[in-house]
Amino acid sequence: MNLPELGAFLRTRRDRIRPAEVGLPQGPRRRVPGLRREEVAQLAGLSADYYTELERGSAKHGVQPSTQTLAALARALRLNGDERDHLFHLAERPIPPSAHGPSAHVQPALLGLLDRLSNTPTRVITDLHETLVENDLARNLLGDSPAHRGPAASFVYRWFTDPQARERYPPEDHPHHSRVFVADLQAAAARRGRDAEVTKMIAVLRRRSREFATLWDTHDVAVRRMDHKKIVHPTLGIIELDCYNLLSEDGRQRLLWFTAPPGSPGAEQLELLSAIGTQDLSVAEATTPERLSAAESGAQR
C-alpha cells in the first residue's frame, strides 16, 4: 500500500472542493480554500483522527483503509470514476463494481443534486434498489437502510423476504408496491443482460417468495419513474407523498426524492419532520409544561 501517495492524493482532492459544493457553510475564518480534514471525515462517516492519519500517509499506526472506507471517501470527495479507481489502486484494494452494489461509486451528477435537495427526503439507489447514499430527511422518513451485502442489500429482495421491510407502508398498499417492484426489476434484469448478481437474486426470490414468482411470470415490465406513496411514520402517522425518480444515463442509478403539493397535509408533515428529526414526539408531548404541571398537581393530591 502506497500510503504517502494515498495521503497526497487525498489532500489534493480535499483542497479542490468548496464547502458550498457539499452543503457546508463557508465560515468567516477559513484558512484553506477547500474542505478541512474534519469536514471530510464527517462527510465520509470517519473519525477526524483516522482521516488525519490517512492524509499523513504514515504506516506507524497501521492505517489500512477498507473497501467501504475508500468508497465513502470517494463519495465525500466527489471523485470521478478514474479518480475513484486510482484511490483503490493506491490502497491496493480490489476495485468494486462501478454501477451497482452497496460500494458503488455514486455518479457525481446525482450526488450533486442530492446535496442541493437538503430540505427534501432524497436518496441515490441502484436499479436493484440498493441505497448508496441518502440525506438525513430520507433517514427520518424511511428509517435507516440496513448495512447488508449481497442480495439482502436490495430493498426489493427484502420486500419479498423480510416482513419488517413492509412496515413503513400500509398493508392495503402492499400488492401495488409488489407489482411495481417486480415490473421495475424486469426492466433492470433485461438492461443488465447476463448479469450474475441479478440472476442469482431472481432465482433466490423465486424460491423464497410465491408472490414474487407469480408476479415475475406475468412478465409485466415498467421502469418506475413516479409513484404516489403512503408512508407510515412512527410519530407522524401516515404521510402521503409523491415519489419521483431521476435515472442516470445508463439506467443503473437513480435519484429518488419525496415531495407533496404546497399547502397539503403531506407538505406540512414534511416541514414538521424536518424540524423534529428523529426525536420521539410522544416523549416530547409528555414533557410539555402543561403536562408536567398536571402531573405535579396530581402528585400533590
Protein backbone atom coordinates (compact mmCIF):
# COMPACT_ATOMS: atom_id res chain seq x y z
CA MET A 1 0.00 0.00 0.00
CA ASN A 2 1.48 3.35 -1.07
CA LEU A 3 0.44 5.38 1.97
CA PRO A 4 2.43 8.57 1.14
CA GLU A 5 0.92 8.76 -2.34
CA LEU A 6 -2.52 7.93 -0.94
CA GLY A 7 -2.24 10.75 1.59
CA ALA A 8 -1.04 13.23 -1.02
CA PHE A 9 -3.89 12.29 -3.35
CA LEU A 10 -6.49 12.75 -0.61
CA ARG A 11 -5.05 16.19 0.26
CA THR A 12 -5.23 17.44 -3.31
CA ARG A 13 -8.79 16.18 -3.75
CA ARG A 14 -9.83 17.83 -0.47
CA ASP A 15 -8.27 21.16 -1.44
CA ARG A 16 -10.26 21.49 -4.65
CA ILE A 17 -13.76 21.15 -3.09
CA ARG A 18 -15.52 24.27 -1.85
CA PRO A 19 -17.70 23.87 1.28
CA ALA A 20 -20.82 25.10 -0.54
CA GLU A 21 -20.48 22.23 -3.02
CA VAL A 22 -21.18 19.72 -0.24
CA GLY A 23 -23.72 21.76 1.70
CA LEU A 24 -21.32 23.15 4.32
CA PRO A 25 -21.13 26.83 5.39
CA GLN A 26 -18.18 28.84 4.11
CA GLY A 27 -17.42 30.35 7.53
CA PRO A 28 -15.62 33.65 8.22
CA ARG A 29 -12.25 32.27 9.37
CA ARG A 30 -11.44 29.58 6.83
CA ARG A 31 -7.70 29.34 6.23
CA VAL A 32 -7.90 26.87 3.36
CA PRO A 33 -9.92 27.22 0.14
CA GLY A 34 -11.10 23.61 0.25
CA LEU A 35 -12.50 21.36 2.95
CA ARG A 36 -10.98 20.88 6.37
CA ARG A 37 -9.86 17.40 7.37
CA GLU A 38 -12.61 17.09 9.97
CA GLU A 39 -15.21 18.03 7.34
CA VAL A 40 -14.07 15.26 5.01
CA ALA A 41 -14.16 12.85 7.95
CA GLN A 42 -17.69 13.95 8.79
CA LEU A 43 -18.90 13.53 5.21
CA ALA A 44 -17.32 10.07 4.99
CA GLY A 45 -18.53 8.91 8.41
CA LEU A 46 -14.98 8.56 9.80
CA SER A 47 -13.25 9.89 12.89
CA ALA A 48 -11.19 13.02 12.35
CA ASP A 49 -8.13 11.33 13.86
CA TYR A 50 -8.38 8.36 11.49
CA TYR A 51 -8.70 10.56 8.41
CA THR A 52 -5.77 12.70 9.58
CA GLU A 53 -3.58 9.59 9.80
CA LEU A 54 -4.63 8.64 6.27
CA GLU A 55 -3.59 12.03 4.91
CA ARG A 56 -0.30 11.94 6.75
CA GLY A 57 0.47 8.72 4.91
CA SER A 58 2.28 7.16 7.83
CA ALA A 59 2.34 3.40 8.42
CA LYS A 60 3.28 4.00 12.05
CA HIS A 61 -0.24 3.45 13.35
CA GLY A 62 -1.11 0.62 10.97
CA VAL A 63 -3.71 2.51 8.96
CA GLN A 64 -5.30 0.08 6.49
CA PRO A 65 -8.44 1.59 4.88
CA SER A 66 -11.11 -0.94 3.99
CA THR A 67 -13.05 -1.08 0.74
CA GLN A 68 -16.04 0.51 2.49
CA THR A 69 -13.87 3.34 3.84
CA LEU A 70 -12.41 4.05 0.41
CA ALA A 71 -15.87 4.07 -1.17
CA ALA A 72 -17.08 6.53 1.49
CA LEU A 73 -14.08 8.78 0.83
CA ALA A 74 -14.69 8.65 -2.92
CA ARG A 75 -18.24 9.86 -2.34
CA ALA A 76 -17.23 12.54 0.17
CA LEU A 77 -14.51 13.92 -2.14
CA ARG A 78 -16.70 13.76 -5.27
CA LEU A 79 -14.20 11.62 -7.17
CA ASN A 80 -14.97 10.73 -10.75
CA GLY A 81 -14.61 7.16 -11.98
CA ASP A 82 -10.92 7.39 -12.88
CA GLU A 83 -10.06 9.11 -9.60
CA ARG A 84 -12.03 6.55 -7.62
CA ASP A 85 -10.15 3.68 -9.33
CA HIS A 86 -6.83 5.46 -8.66
CA LEU A 87 -7.71 5.72 -4.96
CA PHE A 88 -8.32 1.98 -4.79
CA HIS A 89 -5.10 1.25 -6.69
CA LEU A 90 -3.06 3.34 -4.24
CA ALA A 91 -4.65 1.47 -1.33
CA GLU A 92 -4.07 -1.86 -3.10
CA ARG A 93 -7.74 -2.79 -2.77
CA PRO A 94 -9.89 -4.50 -5.41
CA ILE A 95 -11.94 -2.01 -7.35
CA PRO A 96 -15.67 -2.60 -6.63
CA PRO A 97 -18.22 -2.65 -9.45
CA SER A 98 -18.86 0.93 -10.52
CA ALA A 99 -22.51 0.53 -11.45
CA HIS A 100 -24.15 -1.38 -8.63
CA GLY A 101 -23.78 -2.79 -5.15
CA PRO A 102 -23.53 -1.06 -1.76
CA SER A 103 -19.94 0.02 -2.53
CA ALA A 104 -20.89 1.51 -5.91
CA HIS A 105 -19.41 4.86 -6.90
CA VAL A 106 -22.29 7.34 -6.86
CA GLN A 107 -22.46 9.25 -10.10
CA PRO A 108 -21.31 12.85 -9.38
CA ALA A 109 -24.30 14.46 -11.11
CA LEU A 110 -26.77 12.59 -8.89
CA LEU A 111 -24.68 13.30 -5.81
CA GLY A 112 -24.62 16.99 -6.64
CA LEU A 113 -28.40 17.08 -6.94
CA LEU A 114 -28.79 15.25 -3.63
CA ASP A 115 -26.66 17.92 -1.93
CA ARG A 116 -28.98 20.64 -3.23
CA LEU A 117 -32.15 18.91 -2.01
CA SER A 118 -31.36 19.31 1.67
CA ASN A 119 -35.00 20.16 2.53
CA THR A 120 -36.38 17.14 0.67
CA PRO A 121 -36.11 13.43 1.60
CA THR A 122 -33.67 12.20 -1.05
CA ARG A 123 -31.54 9.13 -1.70
CA VAL A 124 -29.49 7.64 -4.53
CA ILE A 125 -30.19 3.97 -5.22
CA THR A 126 -29.14 1.39 -7.81
CA ASP A 127 -31.50 -0.23 -10.28
CA LEU A 128 -31.74 -3.12 -7.77
CA HIS A 129 -32.89 -0.64 -5.11
CA GLU A 130 -29.68 -0.73 -3.08
CA THR A 131 -29.27 2.53 -1.18
CA LEU A 132 -25.92 4.17 -1.97
CA VAL A 133 -26.30 7.48 -0.14
CA GLU A 134 -29.17 9.44 1.44
CA ASN A 135 -29.75 12.64 3.36
CA ASP A 136 -30.97 12.98 6.94
CA LEU A 137 -34.58 13.66 5.92
CA ALA A 138 -34.73 10.41 3.97
CA ARG A 139 -33.48 8.51 7.01
CA ASN A 140 -36.01 10.31 9.22
CA LEU A 141 -38.83 9.45 6.81
CA LEU A 142 -37.95 5.88 5.86
CA GLY A 143 -35.65 4.72 8.66
CA ASP A 144 -32.01 3.73 8.37
CA SER A 145 -31.04 1.47 5.48
CA PRO A 146 -29.67 -1.85 6.84
CA ALA A 147 -25.97 -2.44 6.18
CA HIS A 148 -26.46 -5.65 4.21
CA ARG A 149 -24.31 -7.14 1.49
CA GLY A 150 -25.29 -9.48 -1.32
CA PRO A 151 -28.95 -9.84 -2.35
CA ALA A 152 -30.19 -8.54 1.04
CA ALA A 153 -28.73 -5.12 0.19
CA SER A 154 -31.63 -4.73 -2.25
CA PHE A 155 -34.86 -3.33 -0.82
CA VAL A 156 -36.76 -5.33 -3.45
CA TYR A 157 -35.17 -8.51 -2.10
CA ARG A 158 -36.04 -7.59 1.49
CA TRP A 159 -39.57 -6.62 0.46
CA PHE A 160 -40.31 -10.21 -0.54
CA THR A 161 -38.27 -11.98 2.14
CA ASP A 162 -38.43 -9.84 5.29
CA PRO A 163 -41.84 -8.74 6.67
CA GLN A 164 -40.19 -5.85 8.51
CA ALA A 165 -39.33 -4.25 5.18
CA ARG A 166 -43.03 -3.54 4.64
CA GLU A 167 -43.71 -1.86 7.98
CA ARG A 168 -43.44 1.68 6.59
CA TYR A 169 -46.25 1.04 4.11
CA PRO A 170 -49.97 0.41 4.82
CA PRO A 171 -50.94 -3.27 4.28
CA GLU A 172 -53.57 -2.34 1.70
CA ASP A 173 -50.83 -0.82 -0.50
CA HIS A 174 -48.53 -3.85 -0.40
CA PRO A 175 -49.93 -5.55 -3.56
CA HIS A 176 -49.41 -2.35 -5.57
CA HIS A 177 -45.81 -1.95 -4.42
CA SER A 178 -45.09 -5.62 -5.12
CA ARG A 179 -46.27 -5.24 -8.73
CA VAL A 180 -44.27 -2.03 -9.20
CA PHE A 181 -41.08 -3.53 -7.77
CA VAL A 182 -41.27 -6.66 -9.93
CA ALA A 183 -42.04 -4.74 -13.12
CA ASP A 184 -39.10 -2.42 -12.43
CA LEU A 185 -36.81 -5.38 -11.72
CA GLN A 186 -37.83 -6.97 -15.04
CA ALA A 187 -36.54 -3.86 -16.81
CA ALA A 188 -33.31 -3.86 -14.80
CA ALA A 189 -32.67 -7.54 -15.50
CA ALA A 190 -33.14 -7.07 -19.24
CA ARG A 191 -30.89 -3.99 -19.23
CA ARG A 192 -28.10 -5.87 -17.44
CA GLY A 193 -28.29 -8.93 -19.67
CA ARG A 194 -26.49 -12.00 -18.26
CA ASP A 195 -25.56 -10.30 -15.01
CA ALA A 196 -24.68 -12.86 -12.32
CA GLU A 197 -25.83 -10.63 -9.45
CA VAL A 198 -29.35 -10.06 -10.71
CA THR A 199 -29.70 -13.64 -12.00
CA LYS A 200 -28.87 -15.01 -8.55
CA MET A 201 -31.25 -12.60 -6.82
CA ILE A 202 -34.15 -13.53 -9.07
CA ALA A 203 -33.52 -17.25 -8.60
CA VAL A 204 -33.48 -16.91 -4.81
CA LEU A 205 -36.61 -14.75 -4.81
CA ARG A 206 -38.49 -17.27 -6.94
CA ARG A 207 -37.65 -19.98 -4.41
CA ARG A 208 -38.40 -17.96 -1.29
CA SER A 209 -41.49 -15.97 -2.32
CA ARG A 210 -44.52 -17.41 -4.07
CA GLU A 211 -45.83 -13.84 -4.50
CA PHE A 212 -42.67 -12.83 -6.35
CA ALA A 213 -42.67 -15.96 -8.54
CA THR A 214 -46.29 -15.34 -9.56
CA LEU A 215 -45.67 -11.70 -10.42
CA TRP A 216 -42.41 -12.48 -12.25
CA ASP A 217 -44.20 -14.95 -14.51
CA THR A 218 -46.62 -12.23 -15.69
CA HIS A 219 -43.63 -10.62 -17.48
CA ASP A 220 -45.05 -7.15 -16.79
CA VAL A 221 -42.32 -4.55 -17.22
CA ALA A 222 -42.27 -0.85 -16.34
CA VAL A 223 -39.42 1.37 -15.18
CA ARG A 224 -40.55 3.18 -12.04
CA ARG A 225 -40.33 6.93 -12.62
CA MET A 226 -43.08 8.29 -10.38
CA ASP A 227 -45.40 6.88 -7.74
CA HIS A 228 -47.80 8.12 -5.06
CA LYS A 229 -46.96 6.64 -1.68
CA LYS A 230 -48.32 6.49 1.82
CA ILE A 231 -45.52 6.27 4.38
CA VAL A 232 -46.29 5.05 7.90
CA HIS A 233 -44.14 7.21 10.15
CA PRO A 234 -43.80 6.10 13.79
CA THR A 235 -44.68 9.54 15.21
CA LEU A 236 -46.38 11.49 12.41
CA GLY A 237 -48.68 8.70 11.23
CA ILE A 238 -49.46 8.24 7.54
CA ILE A 239 -47.73 10.75 5.25
CA GLU A 240 -48.96 10.92 1.65
CA LEU A 241 -46.22 11.91 -0.77
CA ASP A 242 -45.27 11.81 -4.42
CA CYS A 243 -42.10 9.84 -5.14
CA TYR A 244 -40.05 10.81 -8.20
CA ASN A 245 -37.10 9.05 -9.83
CA LEU A 246 -34.41 10.66 -11.97
CA LEU A 247 -32.45 7.95 -13.79
CA SER A 248 -28.79 8.17 -14.73
CA GLU A 249 -27.92 7.96 -18.41
CA ASP A 250 -27.17 4.24 -18.24
CA GLY A 251 -30.17 3.50 -16.00
CA ARG A 252 -28.01 1.84 -13.33
CA GLN A 253 -28.56 4.52 -10.69
CA ARG A 254 -31.38 6.85 -9.84
CA LEU A 255 -32.07 9.84 -7.63
CA LEU A 256 -35.23 9.25 -5.63
CA TRP A 257 -36.98 12.09 -3.79
CA PHE A 258 -40.29 12.64 -1.96
CA THR A 259 -42.42 15.75 -2.15
CA ALA A 260 -46.01 16.95 -1.73
CA PRO A 261 -48.11 19.81 -3.18
CA PRO A 262 -47.72 23.11 -1.27
CA GLY A 263 -50.32 23.51 1.46
CA SER A 264 -51.20 19.80 1.52
CA PRO A 265 -51.09 17.74 4.73
CA GLY A 266 -48.07 15.88 3.33
CA ALA A 267 -46.16 19.14 2.82
CA GLU A 268 -46.93 20.24 6.38
CA GLN A 269 -45.80 16.85 7.71
CA LEU A 270 -42.51 17.11 5.78
CA GLU A 271 -41.88 20.50 7.38
CA LEU A 272 -42.57 19.03 10.79
CA LEU A 273 -40.32 16.06 10.01
CA SER A 274 -37.51 18.46 9.11
CA ALA A 275 -37.98 20.26 12.43
CA ILE A 276 -38.19 17.25 14.74
CA GLY A 277 -35.72 14.90 13.06
CA THR A 278 -35.79 11.51 14.74
CA GLN A 279 -36.95 12.61 18.19
CA ASP A 280 -39.94 10.79 19.69
CA LEU A 281 -42.92 13.15 19.74
CA SER A 282 -44.71 11.04 22.33
CA VAL A 283 -41.89 11.78 24.76
CA ALA A 284 -41.83 15.45 23.83
CA GLU A 285 -45.59 15.77 24.37
CA ALA A 286 -45.37 14.09 27.74
CA THR A 287 -42.83 16.65 28.95
CA THR A 288 -44.54 19.88 27.88
CA PRO A 289 -45.04 22.45 30.68
CA GLU A 290 -48.81 21.85 30.70
CA ARG A 291 -48.41 18.08 31.13
CA LEU A 292 -45.73 18.50 33.76
CA SER A 293 -47.96 20.91 35.70
CA ALA A 294 -50.87 18.48 35.56
CA ALA A 295 -48.66 15.63 36.69
CA GLU A 296 -47.32 17.66 39.59
CA SER A 297 -50.85 18.66 40.66
CA GLY A 298 -51.90 15.03 40.65
CA ALA A 299 -48.92 14.08 42.75
CA GLN A 300 -49.74 16.77 45.33
CA ARG A 301 -53.24 15.38 45.78
